[in-house]
């Protein structure tokens, strides 16, 4: 949650980044 929350402050496409990160 700490990681993905930070990513959410960088881009509004945080979910897309997260999916690539999680599964990739």
PDBML (XML) file of the C-alpha atoms, coordinates in Angstrom:
<?xml version="1.0" encoding="UTF-8" ?>
<PDBx:datablock datablockName="MODEL"
   xmlns:PDBx="http://pdbml.pdb.org/schema/pdbx-v50.xsd"
   xmlns:xsi="http://www.w3.org/2001/XMLSchema-instance"
   xsi:schemaLocation="http://pdbml.pdb.org/schema/pdbx-v50.xsd pdbx-v50.xsd">
   <PDBx:atom_siteCategory>
      <PDBx:atom_site id="1">
         <PDBx:B_iso_or_equiv>0.00</PDBx:B_iso_or_equiv>
         <PDBx:Cartn_x>0.000</PDBx:Cartn_x>
         <PDBx:Cartn_y>0.000</PDBx:Cartn_y>
         <PDBx:Cartn_z>0.000</PDBx:Cartn_z>
         <PDBx:auth_asym_id>A</PDBx:auth_asym_id>
         <PDBx:auth_atom_id>CA</PDBx:auth_atom_id>
         <PDBx:auth_comp_id>UNK</PDBx:auth_comp_id>
         <PDBx:auth_seq_id>1</PDBx:auth_seq_id>
         <PDBx:group_PDB>ATOM</PDBx:group_PDB>
         <PDBx:label_alt_id xsi:nil="true" />
         <PDBx:label_asym_id>A</PDBx:label_asym_id>
         <PDBx:label_atom_id>CA</PDBx:label_atom_id>
         <PDBx:label_comp_id>UNK</PDBx:label_comp_id>
         <PDBx:label_entity_id>1</PDBx:label_entity_id>
         <PDBx:label_seq_id>1</PDBx:label_seq_id>
         <PDBx:occupancy>1.00</PDBx:occupancy>
         <PDBx:pdbx_PDB_model_num>1</PDBx:pdbx_PDB_model_num>
         <PDBx:type_symbol>C</PDBx:type_symbol>
      </PDBx:atom_site>
      <PDBx:atom_site id="2">
         <PDBx:B_iso_or_equiv>0.00</PDBx:B_iso_or_equiv>
         <PDBx:Cartn_x>2.869</PDBx:Cartn_x>
         <PDBx:Cartn_y>2.382</PDBx:Cartn_y>
         <PDBx:Cartn_z>0.766</PDBx:Cartn_z>
         <PDBx:auth_asym_id>A</PDBx:auth_asym_id>
         <PDBx:auth_atom_id>CA</PDBx:auth_atom_id>
         <PDBx:auth_comp_id>UNK</PDBx:auth_comp_id>
         <PDBx:auth_seq_id>2</PDBx:auth_seq_id>
         <PDBx:group_PDB>ATOM</PDBx:group_PDB>
         <PDBx:label_alt_id xsi:nil="true" />
         <PDBx:label_asym_id>A</PDBx:label_asym_id>
         <PDBx:label_atom_id>CA</PDBx:label_atom_id>
         <PDBx:label_comp_id>UNK</PDBx:label_comp_id>
         <PDBx:label_entity_id>1</PDBx:label_entity_id>
         <PDBx:label_seq_id>2</PDBx:label_seq_id>
         <PDBx:occupancy>1.00</PDBx:occupancy>
         <PDBx:pdbx_PDB_model_num>1</PDBx:pdbx_PDB_model_num>
         <PDBx:type_symbol>C</PDBx:type_symbol>
      </PDBx:atom_site>
      <PDBx:atom_site id="3">
         <PDBx:B_iso_or_equiv>0.00</PDBx:B_iso_or_equiv>
         <PDBx:Cartn_x>4.401</PDBx:Cartn_x>
         <PDBx:Cartn_y>1.662</PDBx:Cartn_y>
         <PDBx:Cartn_z>-2.650</PDBx:Cartn_z>
         <PDBx:auth_asym_id>A</PDBx:auth_asym_id>
         <PDBx:auth_atom_id>CA</PDBx:auth_atom_id>
         <PDBx:auth_comp_id>UNK</PDBx:auth_comp_id>
         <PDBx:auth_seq_id>3</PDBx:auth_seq_id>
         <PDBx:group_PDB>ATOM</PDBx:group_PDB>
         <PDBx:label_alt_id xsi:nil="true" />
         <PDBx:label_asym_id>A</PDBx:label_asym_id>
         <PDBx:label_atom_id>CA</PDBx:label_atom_id>
         <PDBx:label_comp_id>UNK</PDBx:label_comp_id>
         <PDBx:label_entity_id>1</PDBx:label_entity_id>
         <PDBx:label_seq_id>3</PDBx:label_seq_id>
         <PDBx:occupancy>1.00</PDBx:occupancy>
         <PDBx:pdbx_PDB_model_num>1</PDBx:pdbx_PDB_model_num>
         <PDBx:type_symbol>C</PDBx:type_symbol>
      </PDBx:atom_site>
      <PDBx:atom_site id="4">
         <PDBx:B_iso_or_equiv>0.00</PDBx:B_iso_or_equiv>
         <PDBx:Cartn_x>1.222</PDBx:Cartn_x>
         <PDBx:Cartn_y>1.939</PDBx:Cartn_y>
         <PDBx:Cartn_z>-4.709</PDBx:Cartn_z>
         <PDBx:auth_asym_id>A</PDBx:auth_asym_id>
         <PDBx:auth_atom_id>CA</PDBx:auth_atom_id>
         <PDBx:auth_comp_id>UNK</PDBx:auth_comp_id>
         <PDBx:auth_seq_id>4</PDBx:auth_seq_id>
         <PDBx:group_PDB>ATOM</PDBx:group_PDB>
         <PDBx:label_alt_id xsi:nil="true" />
         <PDBx:label_asym_id>A</PDBx:label_asym_id>
         <PDBx:label_atom_id>CA</PDBx:label_atom_id>
         <PDBx:label_comp_id>UNK</PDBx:label_comp_id>
         <PDBx:label_entity_id>1</PDBx:label_entity_id>
         <PDBx:label_seq_id>4</PDBx:label_seq_id>
         <PDBx:occupancy>1.00</PDBx:occupancy>
         <PDBx:pdbx_PDB_model_num>1</PDBx:pdbx_PDB_model_num>
         <PDBx:type_symbol>C</PDBx:type_symbol>
      </PDBx:atom_site>
      <PDBx:atom_site id="5">
         <PDBx:B_iso_or_equiv>0.00</PDBx:B_iso_or_equiv>
         <PDBx:Cartn_x>0.058</PDBx:Cartn_x>
         <PDBx:Cartn_y>5.041</PDBx:Cartn_y>
         <PDBx:Cartn_z>-2.835</PDBx:Cartn_z>
         <PDBx:auth_asym_id>A</PDBx:auth_asym_id>
         <PDBx:auth_atom_id>CA</PDBx:auth_atom_id>
         <PDBx:auth_comp_id>UNK</PDBx:auth_comp_id>
         <PDBx:auth_seq_id>5</PDBx:auth_seq_id>
         <PDBx:group_PDB>ATOM</PDBx:group_PDB>
         <PDBx:label_alt_id xsi:nil="true" />
         <PDBx:label_asym_id>A</PDBx:label_asym_id>
         <PDBx:label_atom_id>CA</PDBx:label_atom_id>
         <PDBx:label_comp_id>UNK</PDBx:label_comp_id>
         <PDBx:label_entity_id>1</PDBx:label_entity_id>
         <PDBx:label_seq_id>5</PDBx:label_seq_id>
         <PDBx:occupancy>1.00</PDBx:occupancy>
         <PDBx:pdbx_PDB_model_num>1</PDBx:pdbx_PDB_model_num>
         <PDBx:type_symbol>C</PDBx:type_symbol>
      </PDBx:atom_site>
      <PDBx:atom_site id="6">
         <PDBx:B_iso_or_equiv>0.00</PDBx:B_iso_or_equiv>
         <PDBx:Cartn_x>3.313</PDBx:Cartn_x>
         <PDBx:Cartn_y>6.766</PDBx:Cartn_y>
         <PDBx:Cartn_z>-3.736</PDBx:Cartn_z>
         <PDBx:auth_asym_id>A</PDBx:auth_asym_id>
         <PDBx:auth_atom_id>CA</PDBx:auth_atom_id>
         <PDBx:auth_comp_id>UNK</PDBx:auth_comp_id>
         <PDBx:auth_seq_id>6</PDBx:auth_seq_id>
         <PDBx:group_PDB>ATOM</PDBx:group_PDB>
         <PDBx:label_alt_id xsi:nil="true" />
         <PDBx:label_asym_id>A</PDBx:label_asym_id>
         <PDBx:label_atom_id>CA</PDBx:label_atom_id>
         <PDBx:label_comp_id>UNK</PDBx:label_comp_id>
         <PDBx:label_entity_id>1</PDBx:label_entity_id>
         <PDBx:label_seq_id>6</PDBx:label_seq_id>
         <PDBx:occupancy>1.00</PDBx:occupancy>
         <PDBx:pdbx_PDB_model_num>1</PDBx:pdbx_PDB_model_num>
         <PDBx:type_symbol>C</PDBx:type_symbol>
      </PDBx:atom_site>
      <PDBx:atom_site id="7">
         <PDBx:B_iso_or_equiv>0.00</PDBx:B_iso_or_equiv>
         <PDBx:Cartn_x>2.951</PDBx:Cartn_x>
         <PDBx:Cartn_y>5.716</PDBx:Cartn_y>
         <PDBx:Cartn_z>-7.378</PDBx:Cartn_z>
         <PDBx:auth_asym_id>A</PDBx:auth_asym_id>
         <PDBx:auth_atom_id>CA</PDBx:auth_atom_id>
         <PDBx:auth_comp_id>UNK</PDBx:auth_comp_id>
         <PDBx:auth_seq_id>7</PDBx:auth_seq_id>
         <PDBx:group_PDB>ATOM</PDBx:group_PDB>
         <PDBx:label_alt_id xsi:nil="true" />
         <PDBx:label_asym_id>A</PDBx:label_asym_id>
         <PDBx:label_atom_id>CA</PDBx:label_atom_id>
         <PDBx:label_comp_id>UNK</PDBx:label_comp_id>
         <PDBx:label_entity_id>1</PDBx:label_entity_id>
         <PDBx:label_seq_id>7</PDBx:label_seq_id>
         <PDBx:occupancy>1.00</PDBx:occupancy>
         <PDBx:pdbx_PDB_model_num>1</PDBx:pdbx_PDB_model_num>
         <PDBx:type_symbol>C</PDBx:type_symbol>
      </PDBx:atom_site>
      <PDBx:atom_site id="8">
         <PDBx:B_iso_or_equiv>0.00</PDBx:B_iso_or_equiv>
         <PDBx:Cartn_x>-0.538</PDBx:Cartn_x>
         <PDBx:Cartn_y>7.238</PDBx:Cartn_y>
         <PDBx:Cartn_z>-7.282</PDBx:Cartn_z>
         <PDBx:auth_asym_id>A</PDBx:auth_asym_id>
         <PDBx:auth_atom_id>CA</PDBx:auth_atom_id>
         <PDBx:auth_comp_id>UNK</PDBx:auth_comp_id>
         <PDBx:auth_seq_id>8</PDBx:auth_seq_id>
         <PDBx:group_PDB>ATOM</PDBx:group_PDB>
         <PDBx:label_alt_id xsi:nil="true" />
         <PDBx:label_asym_id>A</PDBx:label_asym_id>
         <PDBx:label_atom_id>CA</PDBx:label_atom_id>
         <PDBx:label_comp_id>UNK</PDBx:label_comp_id>
         <PDBx:label_entity_id>1</PDBx:label_entity_id>
         <PDBx:label_seq_id>8</PDBx:label_seq_id>
         <PDBx:occupancy>1.00</PDBx:occupancy>
         <PDBx:pdbx_PDB_model_num>1</PDBx:pdbx_PDB_model_num>
         <PDBx:type_symbol>C</PDBx:type_symbol>
      </PDBx:atom_site>
      <PDBx:atom_site id="9">
         <PDBx:B_iso_or_equiv>0.00</PDBx:B_iso_or_equiv>
         <PDBx:Cartn_x>1.001</PDBx:Cartn_x>
         <PDBx:Cartn_y>10.633</PDBx:Cartn_y>
         <PDBx:Cartn_z>-6.523</PDBx:Cartn_z>
         <PDBx:auth_asym_id>A</PDBx:auth_asym_id>
         <PDBx:auth_atom_id>CA</PDBx:auth_atom_id>
         <PDBx:auth_comp_id>UNK</PDBx:auth_comp_id>
         <PDBx:auth_seq_id>9</PDBx:auth_seq_id>
         <PDBx:group_PDB>ATOM</PDBx:group_PDB>
         <PDBx:label_alt_id xsi:nil="true" />
         <PDBx:label_asym_id>A</PDBx:label_asym_id>
         <PDBx:label_atom_id>CA</PDBx:label_atom_id>
         <PDBx:label_comp_id>UNK</PDBx:label_comp_id>
         <PDBx:label_entity_id>1</PDBx:label_entity_id>
         <PDBx:label_seq_id>9</PDBx:label_seq_id>
         <PDBx:occupancy>1.00</PDBx:occupancy>
         <PDBx:pdbx_PDB_model_num>1</PDBx:pdbx_PDB_model_num>
         <PDBx:type_symbol>C</PDBx:type_symbol>
      </PDBx:atom_site>
      <PDBx:atom_site id="10">
         <PDBx:B_iso_or_equiv>0.00</PDBx:B_iso_or_equiv>
         <PDBx:Cartn_x>3.173</PDBx:Cartn_x>
         <PDBx:Cartn_y>10.365</PDBx:Cartn_y>
         <PDBx:Cartn_z>-9.634</PDBx:Cartn_z>
         <PDBx:auth_asym_id>A</PDBx:auth_asym_id>
         <PDBx:auth_atom_id>CA</PDBx:auth_atom_id>
         <PDBx:auth_comp_id>UNK</PDBx:auth_comp_id>
         <PDBx:auth_seq_id>10</PDBx:auth_seq_id>
         <PDBx:group_PDB>ATOM</PDBx:group_PDB>
         <PDBx:label_alt_id xsi:nil="true" />
         <PDBx:label_asym_id>A</PDBx:label_asym_id>
         <PDBx:label_atom_id>CA</PDBx:label_atom_id>
         <PDBx:label_comp_id>UNK</PDBx:label_comp_id>
         <PDBx:label_entity_id>1</PDBx:label_entity_id>
         <PDBx:label_seq_id>10</PDBx:label_seq_id>
         <PDBx:occupancy>1.00</PDBx:occupancy>
         <PDBx:pdbx_PDB_model_num>1</PDBx:pdbx_PDB_model_num>
         <PDBx:type_symbol>C</PDBx:type_symbol>
      </PDBx:atom_site>
      <PDBx:atom_site id="11">
         <PDBx:B_iso_or_equiv>0.00</PDBx:B_iso_or_equiv>
         <PDBx:Cartn_x>0.620</PDBx:Cartn_x>
         <PDBx:Cartn_y>9.334</PDBx:Cartn_y>
         <PDBx:Cartn_z>-12.235</PDBx:Cartn_z>
         <PDBx:auth_asym_id>A</PDBx:auth_asym_id>
         <PDBx:auth_atom_id>CA</PDBx:auth_atom_id>
         <PDBx:auth_comp_id>UNK</PDBx:auth_comp_id>
         <PDBx:auth_seq_id>11</PDBx:auth_seq_id>
         <PDBx:group_PDB>ATOM</PDBx:group_PDB>
         <PDBx:label_alt_id xsi:nil="true" />
         <PDBx:label_asym_id>A</PDBx:label_asym_id>
         <PDBx:label_atom_id>CA</PDBx:label_atom_id>
         <PDBx:label_comp_id>UNK</PDBx:label_comp_id>
         <PDBx:label_entity_id>1</PDBx:label_entity_id>
         <PDBx:label_seq_id>11</PDBx:label_seq_id>
         <PDBx:occupancy>1.00</PDBx:occupancy>
         <PDBx:pdbx_PDB_model_num>1</PDBx:pdbx_PDB_model_num>
         <PDBx:type_symbol>C</PDBx:type_symbol>
      </PDBx:atom_site>
      <PDBx:atom_site id="12">
         <PDBx:B_iso_or_equiv>0.00</PDBx:B_iso_or_equiv>
         <PDBx:Cartn_x>-3.120</PDBx:Cartn_x>
         <PDBx:Cartn_y>8.948</PDBx:Cartn_y>
         <PDBx:Cartn_z>-12.609</PDBx:Cartn_z>
         <PDBx:auth_asym_id>A</PDBx:auth_asym_id>
         <PDBx:auth_atom_id>CA</PDBx:auth_atom_id>
         <PDBx:auth_comp_id>UNK</PDBx:auth_comp_id>
         <PDBx:auth_seq_id>12</PDBx:auth_seq_id>
         <PDBx:group_PDB>ATOM</PDBx:group_PDB>
         <PDBx:label_alt_id xsi:nil="true" />
         <PDBx:label_asym_id>A</PDBx:label_asym_id>
         <PDBx:label_atom_id>CA</PDBx:label_atom_id>
         <PDBx:label_comp_id>UNK</PDBx:label_comp_id>
         <PDBx:label_entity_id>1</PDBx:label_entity_id>
         <PDBx:label_seq_id>12</PDBx:label_seq_id>
         <PDBx:occupancy>1.00</PDBx:occupancy>
         <PDBx:pdbx_PDB_model_num>1</PDBx:pdbx_PDB_model_num>
         <PDBx:type_symbol>C</PDBx:type_symbol>
      </PDBx:atom_site>
      <PDBx:atom_site id="13">
         <PDBx:B_iso_or_equiv>0.00</PDBx:B_iso_or_equiv>
         <PDBx:Cartn_x>-2.336</PDBx:Cartn_x>
         <PDBx:Cartn_y>5.682</PDBx:Cartn_y>
         <PDBx:Cartn_z>-14.443</PDBx:Cartn_z>
         <PDBx:auth_asym_id>A</PDBx:auth_asym_id>
         <PDBx:auth_atom_id>CA</PDBx:auth_atom_id>
         <PDBx:auth_comp_id>UNK</PDBx:auth_comp_id>
         <PDBx:auth_seq_id>13</PDBx:auth_seq_id>
         <PDBx:group_PDB>ATOM</PDBx:group_PDB>
         <PDBx:label_alt_id xsi:nil="true" />
         <PDBx:label_asym_id>A</PDBx:label_asym_id>
         <PDBx:label_atom_id>CA</PDBx:label_atom_id>
         <PDBx:label_comp_id>UNK</PDBx:label_comp_id>
         <PDBx:label_entity_id>1</PDBx:label_entity_id>
         <PDBx:label_seq_id>13</PDBx:label_seq_id>
         <PDBx:occupancy>1.00</PDBx:occupancy>
         <PDBx:pdbx_PDB_model_num>1</PDBx:pdbx_PDB_model_num>
         <PDBx:type_symbol>C</PDBx:type_symbol>
      </PDBx:atom_site>
      <PDBx:atom_site id="14">
         <PDBx:B_iso_or_equiv>0.00</PDBx:B_iso_or_equiv>
         <PDBx:Cartn_x>-1.068</PDBx:Cartn_x>
         <PDBx:Cartn_y>4.064</PDBx:Cartn_y>
         <PDBx:Cartn_z>-11.261</PDBx:Cartn_z>
         <PDBx:auth_asym_id>A</PDBx:auth_asym_id>
         <PDBx:auth_atom_id>CA</PDBx:auth_atom_id>
         <PDBx:auth_comp_id>UNK</PDBx:auth_comp_id>
         <PDBx:auth_seq_id>14</PDBx:auth_seq_id>
         <PDBx:group_PDB>ATOM</PDBx:group_PDB>
         <PDBx:label_alt_id xsi:nil="true" />
         <PDBx:label_asym_id>A</PDBx:label_asym_id>
         <PDBx:label_atom_id>CA</PDBx:label_atom_id>
         <PDBx:label_comp_id>UNK</PDBx:label_comp_id>
         <PDBx:label_entity_id>1</PDBx:label_entity_id>
         <PDBx:label_seq_id>14</PDBx:label_seq_id>
         <PDBx:occupancy>1.00</PDBx:occupancy>
         <PDBx:pdbx_PDB_model_num>1</PDBx:pdbx_PDB_model_num>
         <PDBx:type_symbol>C</PDBx:type_symbol>
      </PDBx:atom_site>
      <PDBx:atom_site id="15">
         <PDBx:B_iso_or_equiv>0.00</PDBx:B_iso_or_equiv>
         <PDBx:Cartn_x>-3.364</PDBx:Cartn_x>
         <PDBx:Cartn_y>1.042</PDBx:Cartn_y>
         <PDBx:Cartn_z>-11.704</PDBx:Cartn_z>
         <PDBx:auth_asym_id>A</PDBx:auth_asym_id>
         <PDBx:auth_atom_id>CA</PDBx:auth_atom_id>
         <PDBx:auth_comp_id>UNK</PDBx:auth_comp_id>
         <PDBx:auth_seq_id>15</PDBx:auth_seq_id>
         <PDBx:group_PDB>ATOM</PDBx:group_PDB>
         <PDBx:label_alt_id xsi:nil="true" />
         <PDBx:label_asym_id>A</PDBx:label_asym_id>
         <PDBx:label_atom_id>CA</PDBx:label_atom_id>
         <PDBx:label_comp_id>UNK</PDBx:label_comp_id>
         <PDBx:label_entity_id>1</PDBx:label_entity_id>
         <PDBx:label_seq_id>15</PDBx:label_seq_id>
         <PDBx:occupancy>1.00</PDBx:occupancy>
         <PDBx:pdbx_PDB_model_num>1</PDBx:pdbx_PDB_model_num>
         <PDBx:type_symbol>C</PDBx:type_symbol>
      </PDBx:atom_site>
      <PDBx:atom_site id="16">
         <PDBx:B_iso_or_equiv>0.00</PDBx:B_iso_or_equiv>
         <PDBx:Cartn_x>-1.866</PDBx:Cartn_x>
         <PDBx:Cartn_y>0.310</PDBx:Cartn_y>
         <PDBx:Cartn_z>-15.126</PDBx:Cartn_z>
         <PDBx:auth_asym_id>A</PDBx:auth_asym_id>
         <PDBx:auth_atom_id>CA</PDBx:auth_atom_id>
         <PDBx:auth_comp_id>UNK</PDBx:auth_comp_id>
         <PDBx:auth_seq_id>16</PDBx:auth_seq_id>
         <PDBx:group_PDB>ATOM</PDBx:group_PDB>
         <PDBx:label_alt_id xsi:nil="true" />
         <PDBx:label_asym_id>A</PDBx:label_asym_id>
         <PDBx:label_atom_id>CA</PDBx:label_atom_id>
         <PDBx:label_comp_id>UNK</PDBx:label_comp_id>
         <PDBx:label_entity_id>1</PDBx:label_entity_id>
         <PDBx:label_seq_id>16</PDBx:label_seq_id>
         <PDBx:occupancy>1.00</PDBx:occupancy>
         <PDBx:pdbx_PDB_model_num>1</PDBx:pdbx_PDB_model_num>
         <PDBx:type_symbol>C</PDBx:type_symbol>
      </PDBx:atom_site>
      <PDBx:atom_site id="17">
         <PDBx:B_iso_or_equiv>0.00</PDBx:B_iso_or_equiv>
         <PDBx:Cartn_x>1.652</PDBx:Cartn_x>
         <PDBx:Cartn_y>0.545</PDBx:Cartn_y>
         <PDBx:Cartn_z>-13.726</PDBx:Cartn_z>
         <PDBx:auth_asym_id>A</PDBx:auth_asym_id>
         <PDBx:auth_atom_id>CA</PDBx:auth_atom_id>
         <PDBx:auth_comp_id>UNK</PDBx:auth_comp_id>
         <PDBx:auth_seq_id>17</PDBx:auth_seq_id>
         <PDBx:group_PDB>ATOM</PDBx:group_PDB>
         <PDBx:label_alt_id xsi:nil="true" />
         <PDBx:label_asym_id>A</PDBx:label_asym_id>
         <PDBx:label_atom_id>CA</PDBx:label_atom_id>
         <PDBx:label_comp_id>UNK</PDBx:label_comp_id>
         <PDBx:label_entity_id>1</PDBx:label_entity_id>
         <PDBx:label_seq_id>17</PDBx:label_seq_id>
         <PDBx:occupancy>1.00</PDBx:occupancy>
         <PDBx:pdbx_PDB_model_num>1</PDBx:pdbx_PDB_model_num>
         <PDBx:type_symbol>C</PDBx:type_symbol>
      </PDBx:atom_site>
      <PDBx:atom_site id="18">
         <PDBx:B_iso_or_equiv>0.00</PDBx:B_iso_or_equiv>
         <PDBx:Cartn_x>0.619</PDBx:Cartn_x>
         <PDBx:Cartn_y>-1.626</PDBx:Cartn_y>
         <PDBx:Cartn_z>-10.796</PDBx:Cartn_z>
         <PDBx:auth_asym_id>A</PDBx:auth_asym_id>
         <PDBx:auth_atom_id>CA</PDBx:auth_atom_id>
         <PDBx:auth_comp_id>UNK</PDBx:auth_comp_id>
         <PDBx:auth_seq_id>18</PDBx:auth_seq_id>
         <PDBx:group_PDB>ATOM</PDBx:group_PDB>
         <PDBx:label_alt_id xsi:nil="true" />
         <PDBx:label_asym_id>A</PDBx:label_asym_id>
         <PDBx:label_atom_id>CA</PDBx:label_atom_id>
         <PDBx:label_comp_id>UNK</PDBx:label_comp_id>
         <PDBx:label_entity_id>1</PDBx:label_entity_id>
         <PDBx:label_seq_id>18</PDBx:label_seq_id>
         <PDBx:occupancy>1.00</PDBx:occupancy>
         <PDBx:pdbx_PDB_model_num>1</PDBx:pdbx_PDB_model_num>
         <PDBx:type_symbol>C</PDBx:type_symbol>
      </PDBx:atom_site>
      <PDBx:atom_site id="19">
         <PDBx:B_iso_or_equiv>0.00</PDBx:B_iso_or_equiv>
         <PDBx:Cartn_x>-0.848</PDBx:Cartn_x>
         <PDBx:Cartn_y>-4.389</PDBx:Cartn_y>
         <PDBx:Cartn_z>-12.933</PDBx:Cartn_z>
         <PDBx:auth_asym_id>A</PDBx:auth_asym_id>
         <PDBx:auth_atom_id>CA</PDBx:auth_atom_id>
         <PDBx:auth_comp_id>UNK</PDBx:auth_comp_id>
         <PDBx:auth_seq_id>19</PDBx:auth_seq_id>
         <PDBx:group_PDB>ATOM</PDBx:group_PDB>
         <PDBx:label_alt_id xsi:nil="true" />
         <PDBx:label_asym_id>A</PDBx:label_asym_id>
         <PDBx:label_atom_id>CA</PDBx:label_atom_id>
         <PDBx:label_comp_id>UNK</PDBx:label_comp_id>
         <PDBx:label_entity_id>1</PDBx:label_entity_id>
         <PDBx:label_seq_id>19</PDBx:label_seq_id>
         <PDBx:occupancy>1.00</PDBx:occupancy>
         <PDBx:pdbx_PDB_model_num>1</PDBx:pdbx_PDB_model_num>
         <PDBx:type_symbol>C</PDBx:type_symbol>
      </PDBx:atom_site>
      <PDBx:atom_site id="20">
         <PDBx:B_iso_or_equiv>0.00</PDBx:B_iso_or_equiv>
         <PDBx:Cartn_x>2.346</PDBx:Cartn_x>
         <PDBx:Cartn_y>-4.571</PDBx:Cartn_y>
         <PDBx:Cartn_z>-14.983</PDBx:Cartn_z>
         <PDBx:auth_asym_id>A</PDBx:auth_asym_id>
         <PDBx:auth_atom_id>CA</PDBx:auth_atom_id>
         <PDBx:auth_comp_id>UNK</PDBx:auth_comp_id>
         <PDBx:auth_seq_id>20</PDBx:auth_seq_id>
         <PDBx:group_PDB>ATOM</PDBx:group_PDB>
         <PDBx:label_alt_id xsi:nil="true" />
         <PDBx:label_asym_id>A</PDBx:label_asym_id>
         <PDBx:label_atom_id>CA</PDBx:label_atom_id>
         <PDBx:label_comp_id>UNK</PDBx:label_comp_id>
         <PDBx:label_entity_id>1</PDBx:label_entity_id>
         <PDBx:label_seq_id>20</PDBx:label_seq_id>
         <PDBx:occupancy>1.00</PDBx:occupancy>
         <PDBx:pdbx_PDB_model_num>1</PDBx:pdbx_PDB_model_num>
         <PDBx:type_symbol>C</PDBx:type_symbol>
      </PDBx:atom_site>
      <PDBx:atom_site id="21">
         <PDBx:B_iso_or_equiv>0.00</PDBx:B_iso_or_equiv>
         <PDBx:Cartn_x>4.389</PDBx:Cartn_x>
         <PDBx:Cartn_y>-4.585</PDBx:Cartn_y>
         <PDBx:Cartn_z>-11.781</PDBx:Cartn_z>
         <PDBx:auth_asym_id>A</PDBx:auth_asym_id>
         <PDBx:auth_atom_id>CA</PDBx:auth_atom_id>
         <PDBx:auth_comp_id>UNK</PDBx:auth_comp_id>
         <PDBx:auth_seq_id>21</PDBx:auth_seq_id>
         <PDBx:group_PDB>ATOM</PDBx:group_PDB>
         <PDBx:label_alt_id xsi:nil="true" />
         <PDBx:label_asym_id>A</PDBx:label_asym_id>
         <PDBx:label_atom_id>CA</PDBx:label_atom_id>
         <PDBx:label_comp_id>UNK</PDBx:label_comp_id>
         <PDBx:label_entity_id>1</PDBx:label_entity_id>
         <PDBx:label_seq_id>21</PDBx:label_seq_id>
         <PDBx:occupancy>1.00</PDBx:occupancy>
         <PDBx:pdbx_PDB_model_num>1</PDBx:pdbx_PDB_model_num>
         <PDBx:type_symbol>C</PDBx:type_symbol>
      </PDBx:atom_site>
      <PDBx:atom_site id="22">
         <PDBx:B_iso_or_equiv>0.00</PDBx:B_iso_or_equiv>
         <PDBx:Cartn_x>2.284</PDBx:Cartn_x>
         <PDBx:Cartn_y>-7.217</PDBx:Cartn_y>
         <PDBx:Cartn_z>-9.999</PDBx:Cartn_z>
         <PDBx:auth_asym_id>A</PDBx:auth_asym_id>
         <PDBx:auth_atom_id>CA</PDBx:auth_atom_id>
         <PDBx:auth_comp_id>UNK</PDBx:auth_comp_id>
         <PDBx:auth_seq_id>22</PDBx:auth_seq_id>
         <PDBx:group_PDB>ATOM</PDBx:group_PDB>
         <PDBx:label_alt_id xsi:nil="true" />
         <PDBx:label_asym_id>A</PDBx:label_asym_id>
         <PDBx:label_atom_id>CA</PDBx:label_atom_id>
         <PDBx:label_comp_id>UNK</PDBx:label_comp_id>
         <PDBx:label_entity_id>1</PDBx:label_entity_id>
         <PDBx:label_seq_id>22</PDBx:label_seq_id>
         <PDBx:occupancy>1.00</PDBx:occupancy>
         <PDBx:pdbx_PDB_model_num>1</PDBx:pdbx_PDB_model_num>
         <PDBx:type_symbol>C</PDBx:type_symbol>
      </PDBx:atom_site>
      <PDBx:atom_site id="23">
         <PDBx:B_iso_or_equiv>0.00</PDBx:B_iso_or_equiv>
         <PDBx:Cartn_x>1.984</PDBx:Cartn_x>
         <PDBx:Cartn_y>-9.710</PDBx:Cartn_y>
         <PDBx:Cartn_z>-12.839</PDBx:Cartn_z>
         <PDBx:auth_asym_id>A</PDBx:auth_asym_id>
         <PDBx:auth_atom_id>CA</PDBx:auth_atom_id>
         <PDBx:auth_comp_id>UNK</PDBx:auth_comp_id>
         <PDBx:auth_seq_id>23</PDBx:auth_seq_id>
         <PDBx:group_PDB>ATOM</PDBx:group_PDB>
         <PDBx:label_alt_id xsi:nil="true" />
         <PDBx:label_asym_id>A</PDBx:label_asym_id>
         <PDBx:label_atom_id>CA</PDBx:label_atom_id>
         <PDBx:label_comp_id>UNK</PDBx:label_comp_id>
         <PDBx:label_entity_id>1</PDBx:label_entity_id>
         <PDBx:label_seq_id>23</PDBx:label_seq_id>
         <PDBx:occupancy>1.00</PDBx:occupancy>
         <PDBx:pdbx_PDB_model_num>1</PDBx:pdbx_PDB_model_num>
         <PDBx:type_symbol>C</PDBx:type_symbol>
      </PDBx:atom_site>
      <PDBx:atom_site id="24">
         <PDBx:B_iso_or_equiv>0.00</PDBx:B_iso_or_equiv>
         <PDBx:Cartn_x>5.200</PDBx:Cartn_x>
         <PDBx:Cartn_y>-8.847</PDBx:Cartn_y>
         <PDBx:Cartn_z>-14.635</PDBx:Cartn_z>
         <PDBx:auth_asym_id>A</PDBx:auth_asym_id>
         <PDBx:auth_atom_id>CA</PDBx:auth_atom_id>
         <PDBx:auth_comp_id>UNK</PDBx:auth_comp_id>
         <PDBx:auth_seq_id>24</PDBx:auth_seq_id>
         <PDBx:group_PDB>ATOM</PDBx:group_PDB>
         <PDBx:label_alt_id xsi:nil="true" />
         <PDBx:label_asym_id>A</PDBx:label_asym_id>
         <PDBx:label_atom_id>CA</PDBx:label_atom_id>
         <PDBx:label_comp_id>UNK</PDBx:label_comp_id>
         <PDBx:label_entity_id>1</PDBx:label_entity_id>
         <PDBx:label_seq_id>24</PDBx:label_seq_id>
         <PDBx:occupancy>1.00</PDBx:occupancy>
         <PDBx:pdbx_PDB_model_num>1</PDBx:pdbx_PDB_model_num>
         <PDBx:type_symbol>C</PDBx:type_symbol>
      </PDBx:atom_site>
   </PDBx:atom_siteCategory>
</PDBx:datablock>
